[in-house]
PDB file of all heavy atoms in Angstrom:
ATOM      1  N   ASP A   1       0.809  -1.210   0.000  1.00  0.00           N
ATOM      2  CA  ASP A   1       0.000   0.000   0.000  1.00  0.00           C
ATOM      3  C   ASP A   1       0.846   1.266   0.000  1.00  0.00           C
ATOM      4  O   ASP A   1       0.395   2.305  -0.472  1.00  0.00           O
ATOM      5  CB  ASP A   1      -0.946   0.000   1.204  1.00  0.00           C
ATOM      6  CG  ASP A   1      -1.995  -1.086   1.087  1.00  0.00           C
ATOM      7  OD1 ASP A   1      -2.369  -1.445  -0.054  1.00  0.00           O
ATOM      8  OD2 ASP A   1      -2.427  -1.610   2.125  1.00  0.00           O
ATOM      9  N   VAL A   2       2.090   1.220   0.495  1.00  0.00           N
ATOM     10  CA  VAL A   2       2.902   2.437   0.596  1.00  0.00           C
ATOM     11  C   VAL A   2       3.562   2.823  -0.723  1.00  0.00           C
ATOM     12  O   VAL A   2       3.449   3.985  -1.089  1.00  0.00           O
ATOM     13  CB  VAL A   2       3.896   2.333   1.772  1.00  0.00           C
ATOM     14  CG1 VAL A   2       4.868   3.502   1.789  1.00  0.00           C
ATOM     15  CG2 VAL A   2       3.130   2.248   3.084  1.00  0.00           C
ATOM     16  N   PRO A   3       4.203   2.007  -1.537  1.00  0.00           N
ATOM     17  CA  PRO A   3       4.882   0.742  -1.322  1.00  0.00           C
ATOM     18  C   PRO A   3       6.244   0.933  -0.634  1.00  0.00           C
ATOM     19  O   PRO A   3       6.916   1.932  -0.858  1.00  0.00           O
ATOM     20  CB  PRO A   3       5.052   0.183  -2.727  1.00  0.00           C
ATOM     21  CG  PRO A   3       5.093   1.388  -3.605  1.00  0.00           C
ATOM     22  CD  PRO A   3       4.259   2.440  -2.926  1.00  0.00           C
ATOM     23  N   SER A   4       6.618  -0.083   0.177  1.00  0.00           N
ATOM     24  CA  SER A   4       7.885  -0.015   0.902  1.00  0.00           C
ATOM     25  C   SER A   4       8.407  -1.412   1.191  1.00  0.00           C
ATOM     26  O   SER A   4       7.667  -2.394   1.096  1.00  0.00           O
ATOM     27  CB  SER A   4       7.710   0.759   2.211  1.00  0.00           C
ATOM     28  OG  SER A   4       6.833   0.062   3.072  1.00  0.00           O
ATOM     29  N   LEU A   5       9.679  -1.463   1.547  1.00  0.00           N
ATOM     30  CA  LEU A   5      10.332  -2.714   1.904  1.00  0.00           C
ATOM     31  C   LEU A   5      11.248  -2.441   3.087  1.00  0.00           C
ATOM     32  O   LEU A   5      12.022  -1.477   3.067  1.00  0.00           O
ATOM     33  CB  LEU A   5      11.146  -3.250   0.729  1.00  0.00           C
ATOM     34  CG  LEU A   5      11.889  -4.562   0.914  1.00  0.00           C
ATOM     35  CD1 LEU A   5      12.013  -5.293  -0.420  1.00  0.00           C
ATOM     36  CD2 LEU A   5      13.256  -4.406   1.524  1.00  0.00           C
ATOM     37  N   ILE A   6      11.130  -3.279   4.106  1.00  0.00           N
ATOM     38  CA  ILE A   6      12.066  -3.254   5.239  1.00  0.00           C
ATOM     39  C   ILE A   6      12.783  -4.590   5.225  1.00  0.00           C
ATOM     40  O   ILE A   6      12.144  -5.645   5.099  1.00  0.00           O
ATOM     41  CB  ILE A   6      11.354  -3.056   6.588  1.00  0.00           C
ATOM     42  CG1 ILE A   6      10.543  -1.769   6.584  1.00  0.00           C
ATOM     43  CG2 ILE A   6      12.368  -3.049   7.735  1.00  0.00           C
ATOM     44  CD1 ILE A   6       9.675  -1.580   7.819  1.00  0.00           C
ATOM     45  N   ALA A   7      14.108  -4.558   5.350  1.00  0.00           N
ATOM     46  CA  ALA A   7      14.917  -5.778   5.351  1.00  0.00           C
ATOM     47  C   ALA A   7      15.717  -5.860   6.639  1.00  0.00           C
ATOM     48  O   ALA A   7      16.280  -4.861   7.098  1.00  0.00           O
ATOM     49  CB  ALA A   7      15.852  -5.790   4.149  1.00  0.00           C
ATOM     50  N   TRP A   8      15.732  -7.060   7.202  1.00  0.00           N
ATOM     51  CA  TRP A   8      16.529  -7.346   8.381  1.00  0.00           C
ATOM     52  C   TRP A   8      17.477  -8.494   8.062  1.00  0.00           C
ATOM     53  O   TRP A   8      17.148  -9.377   7.269  1.00  0.00           O
ATOM     54  CB  TRP A   8      15.655  -7.788   9.555  1.00  0.00           C
ATOM     55  CG  TRP A   8      14.739  -6.739  10.092  1.00  0.00           C
ATOM     56  CD1 TRP A   8      15.014  -5.802  11.051  1.00  0.00           C
ATOM     57  CD2 TRP A   8      13.369  -6.520   9.741  1.00  0.00           C
ATOM     58  NE1 TRP A   8      13.907  -5.020  11.288  1.00  0.00           N
ATOM     59  CE2 TRP A   8      12.880  -5.445  10.504  1.00  0.00           C
ATOM     60  CE3 TRP A   8      12.505  -7.142   8.832  1.00  0.00           C
ATOM     61  CZ2 TRP A   8      11.583  -4.980  10.401  1.00  0.00           C
ATOM     62  CZ3 TRP A   8      11.207  -6.678   8.720  1.00  0.00           C
ATOM     63  CH2 TRP A   8      10.766  -5.613   9.502  1.00  0.00           C
ATOM     64  N   GLU A   9      18.646  -8.474   8.695  1.00  0.00           N
ATOM     65  CA  GLU A   9      19.588  -9.589   8.607  1.00  0.00           C
ATOM     66  C   GLU A   9      19.979  -9.998  10.006  1.00  0.00           C
ATOM     67  O   GLU A   9      20.042  -9.165  10.920  1.00  0.00           O
ATOM     68  CB  GLU A   9      20.817  -9.199   7.787  1.00  0.00           C
ATOM     69  CG  GLU A   9      20.506  -9.017   6.316  1.00  0.00           C
ATOM     70  CD  GLU A   9      21.720  -8.703   5.469  1.00  0.00           C
ATOM     71  OE1 GLU A   9      22.858  -8.643   6.006  1.00  0.00           O
ATOM     72  OE2 GLU A   9      21.536  -8.499   4.250  1.00  0.00           O
ATOM     73  N   LEU A  10      20.227 -11.288  10.152  1.00  0.00           N
ATOM     74  CA  LEU A  10      20.571 -11.845  11.445  1.00  0.00           C
ATOM     75  C   LEU A  10      21.998 -11.458  11.815  1.00  0.00           C
ATOM     76  O   LEU A  10      22.934 -11.676  11.041  1.00  0.00           O
ATOM     77  CB  LEU A  10      20.432 -13.372  11.380  1.00  0.00           C
ATOM     78  CG  LEU A  10      20.206 -14.101  12.678  1.00  0.00           C
ATOM     79  CD1 LEU A  10      18.965 -13.590  13.406  1.00  0.00           C
ATOM     80  CD2 LEU A  10      20.085 -15.596  12.425  1.00  0.00           C
ATOM     81  N   ARG A  11      22.142 -10.858  12.986  1.00  0.00           N
ATOM     82  CA  ARG A  11      23.455 -10.462  13.514  1.00  0.00           C
ATOM     83  C   ARG A  11      23.495 -10.829  14.984  1.00  0.00           C
ATOM     84  O   ARG A  11      22.686 -10.333  15.772  1.00  0.00           O
ATOM     85  CB  ARG A  11      23.669  -8.954  13.355  1.00  0.00           C
ATOM     86  CG  ARG A  11      23.482  -8.470  11.928  1.00  0.00           C
ATOM     87  CD  ARG A  11      24.756  -7.915  11.353  1.00  0.00           C
ATOM     88  NE  ARG A  11      24.635  -7.693   9.917  1.00  0.00           N
ATOM     89  CZ  ARG A  11      24.311  -6.539   9.346  1.00  0.00           C
ATOM     90  NH1 ARG A  11      24.075  -5.491  10.090  1.00  0.00           N
ATOM     91  NH2 ARG A  11      24.248  -6.457   8.022  1.00  0.00           N
ATOM     92  N   ASP A  12      24.391 -11.712  15.347  1.00  0.00           N
ATOM     93  CA  ASP A  12      24.525 -12.165  16.739  1.00  0.00           C
ATOM     94  C   ASP A  12      23.202 -12.661  17.309  1.00  0.00           C
ATOM     95  O   ASP A  12      22.838 -12.352  18.442  1.00  0.00           O
ATOM     96  CB  ASP A  12      25.108 -11.053  17.621  1.00  0.00           C
ATOM     97  CG  ASP A  12      26.499 -10.635  17.172  1.00  0.00           C
ATOM     98  OD1 ASP A  12      27.288 -11.525  16.783  1.00  0.00           O
ATOM     99  OD2 ASP A  12      26.794  -9.426  17.195  1.00  0.00           O
ATOM    100  N   GLY A  13      22.460 -13.410  16.521  1.00  0.00           N
ATOM    101  CA  GLY A  13      21.226 -14.041  16.980  1.00  0.00           C
ATOM    102  C   GLY A  13      19.990 -13.159  16.989  1.00  0.00           C
ATOM    103  O   GLY A  13      18.927 -13.592  17.418  1.00  0.00           O
ATOM    104  N   ALA A  14      20.113 -11.913  16.514  1.00  0.00           N
ATOM    105  CA  ALA A  14      18.953 -11.011  16.476  1.00  0.00           C
ATOM    106  C   ALA A  14      18.935 -10.293  15.123  1.00  0.00           C
ATOM    107  O   ALA A  14      19.975 -10.109  14.494  1.00  0.00           O
ATOM    108  CB  ALA A  14      19.034  -9.990  17.603  1.00  0.00           C
ATOM    109  N   TYR A  15      17.733  -9.884  14.714  1.00  0.00           N
ATOM    110  CA  TYR A  15      17.634  -9.160  13.452  1.00  0.00           C
ATOM    111  C   TYR A  15      18.039  -7.708  13.635  1.00  0.00           C
ATOM    112  O   TYR A  15      17.622  -7.041  14.577  1.00  0.00           O
ATOM    113  CB  TYR A  15      16.206  -9.214  12.893  1.00  0.00           C
ATOM    114  CG  TYR A  15      15.892 -10.495  12.162  1.00  0.00           C
ATOM    115  CD1 TYR A  15      14.707 -11.160  12.385  1.00  0.00           C
ATOM    116  CD2 TYR A  15      16.775 -11.037  11.231  1.00  0.00           C
ATOM    117  CE1 TYR A  15      14.399 -12.331  11.707  1.00  0.00           C
ATOM    118  CE2 TYR A  15      16.487 -12.198  10.553  1.00  0.00           C
ATOM    119  CZ  TYR A  15      15.300 -12.842  10.793  1.00  0.00           C
ATOM    120  OH  TYR A  15      15.016 -13.996  10.116  1.00  0.00           O
ATOM    121  N   ALA A  16      18.854  -7.239  12.691  1.00  0.00           N
ATOM    122  CA  ALA A  16      19.233  -5.839  12.598  1.00  0.00           C
ATOM    123  C   ALA A  16      18.690  -5.319  11.278  1.00  0.00           C
ATOM    124  O   ALA A  16      18.846  -5.971  10.231  1.00  0.00           O
ATOM    125  CB  ALA A  16      20.748  -5.679  12.643  1.00  0.00           C
ATOM    126  N   GLN A  17      18.027  -4.164  11.312  1.00  0.00           N
ATOM    127  CA  GLN A  17      17.491  -3.592  10.088  1.00  0.00           C
ATOM    128  C   GLN A  17      18.640  -3.140   9.204  1.00  0.00           C
ATOM    129  O   GLN A  17      19.511  -2.396   9.638  1.00  0.00           O
ATOM    130  CB  GLN A  17      16.570  -2.415  10.404  1.00  0.00           C
ATOM    131  CG  GLN A  17      15.882  -1.853   9.179  1.00  0.00           C
ATOM    132  CD  GLN A  17      14.874  -0.772   9.521  1.00  0.00           C
ATOM    133  OE1 GLN A  17      14.048  -0.959  10.404  1.00  0.00           O
ATOM    134  NE2 GLN A  17      14.974   0.348   8.831  1.00  0.00           N
ATOM    135  N   VAL A  18      18.636  -3.589   7.941  1.00  0.00           N
ATOM    136  CA  VAL A  18      19.696  -3.230   6.999  1.00  0.00           C
ATOM    137  C   VAL A  18      19.192  -2.320   5.891  1.00  0.00           C
ATOM    138  O   VAL A  18      19.996  -1.735   5.166  1.00  0.00           O
ATOM    139  CB  VAL A  18      20.393  -4.476   6.398  1.00  0.00           C
ATOM    140  CG1 VAL A  18      21.119  -5.255   7.485  1.00  0.00           C
ATOM    141  CG2 VAL A  18      19.412  -5.358   5.649  1.00  0.00           C
ATOM    142  N   ALA A  19      17.869  -2.210   5.756  1.00  0.00           N
ATOM    143  CA  ALA A  19      17.323  -1.334   4.714  1.00  0.00           C
ATOM    144  C   ALA A  19      15.878  -1.009   5.009  1.00  0.00           C
ATOM    145  O   ALA A  19      15.146  -1.803   5.597  1.00  0.00           O
ATOM    146  CB  ALA A  19      17.420  -1.992   3.343  1.00  0.00           C
ATOM    147  N   MET A  20      15.494   0.200   4.589  1.00  0.00           N
ATOM    148  CA  MET A  20      14.095   0.611   4.556  1.00  0.00           C
ATOM    149  C   MET A  20      13.981   1.533   3.355  1.00  0.00           C
ATOM    150  O   MET A  20      14.529   2.636   3.359  1.00  0.00           O
ATOM    151  CB  MET A  20      13.668   1.335   5.822  1.00  0.00           C
ATOM    152  CG  MET A  20      12.214   1.723   5.792  1.00  0.00           C
ATOM    153  SD  MET A  20      11.725   2.401   7.374  1.00  0.00           S
ATOM    154  CE  MET A  20      10.105   2.983   6.959  1.00  0.00           C
ATOM    155  N   VAL A  21      13.316   1.037   2.317  1.00  0.00           N
ATOM    156  CA  VAL A  21      13.183   1.806   1.085  1.00  0.00           C
ATOM    157  C   VAL A  21      11.710   1.956   0.738  1.00  0.00           C
ATOM    158  O   VAL A  21      10.890   1.098   1.082  1.00  0.00           O
ATOM    159  CB  VAL A  21      13.961   1.160  -0.089  1.00  0.00           C
ATOM    160  CG1 VAL A  21      15.461   1.190   0.168  1.00  0.00           C
ATOM    161  CG2 VAL A  21      13.490  -0.254  -0.368  1.00  0.00           C
ATOM    162  N   THR A  22      11.391   3.053   0.072  1.00  0.00           N
ATOM    163  CA  THR A  22      10.011   3.303  -0.350  1.00  0.00           C
ATOM    164  C   THR A  22       9.992   3.697  -1.818  1.00  0.00           C
ATOM    165  O   THR A  22      10.992   4.173  -2.367  1.00  0.00           O
ATOM    166  CB  THR A  22       9.359   4.427   0.484  1.00  0.00           C
ATOM    167  OG1 THR A  22      10.114   5.622   0.309  1.00  0.00           O
ATOM    168  CG2 THR A  22       9.291   4.065   1.949  1.00  0.00           C
ATOM    169  N   GLY A  23       8.826   3.501  -2.433  1.00  0.00           N
ATOM    170  CA  GLY A  23       8.615   3.942  -3.814  1.00  0.00           C
ATOM    171  C   GLY A  23       9.635   3.396  -4.777  1.00  0.00           C
ATOM    172  O   GLY A  23       9.876   2.192  -4.831  1.00  0.00           O
ATOM    173  N   ASP A  24      10.271   4.297  -5.514  1.00  0.00           N
ATOM    174  CA  ASP A  24      11.246   3.910  -6.538  1.00  0.00           C
ATOM    175  C   ASP A  24      12.655   3.712  -5.996  1.00  0.00           C
ATOM    176  O   ASP A  24      13.565   3.389  -6.768  1.00  0.00           O
ATOM    177  CB  ASP A  24      11.283   4.965  -7.647  1.00  0.00           C
ATOM    178  CG  ASP A  24      10.006   4.980  -8.467  1.00  0.00           C
ATOM    179  OD1 ASP A  24       9.429   3.887  -8.672  1.00  0.00           O
ATOM    180  OD2 ASP A  24       9.569   6.074  -8.877  1.00  0.00           O
TER     181      ASP A  24
END
C-alpha cells in the first residue's frame, strides 16, 4: 500500500534492520 520494503539480517542471533526503502 505504501509501497515499501524493510529488510533485516541476522546479527549475533537477532535481526538488525539493513534497509528501509520506499517507492522507486
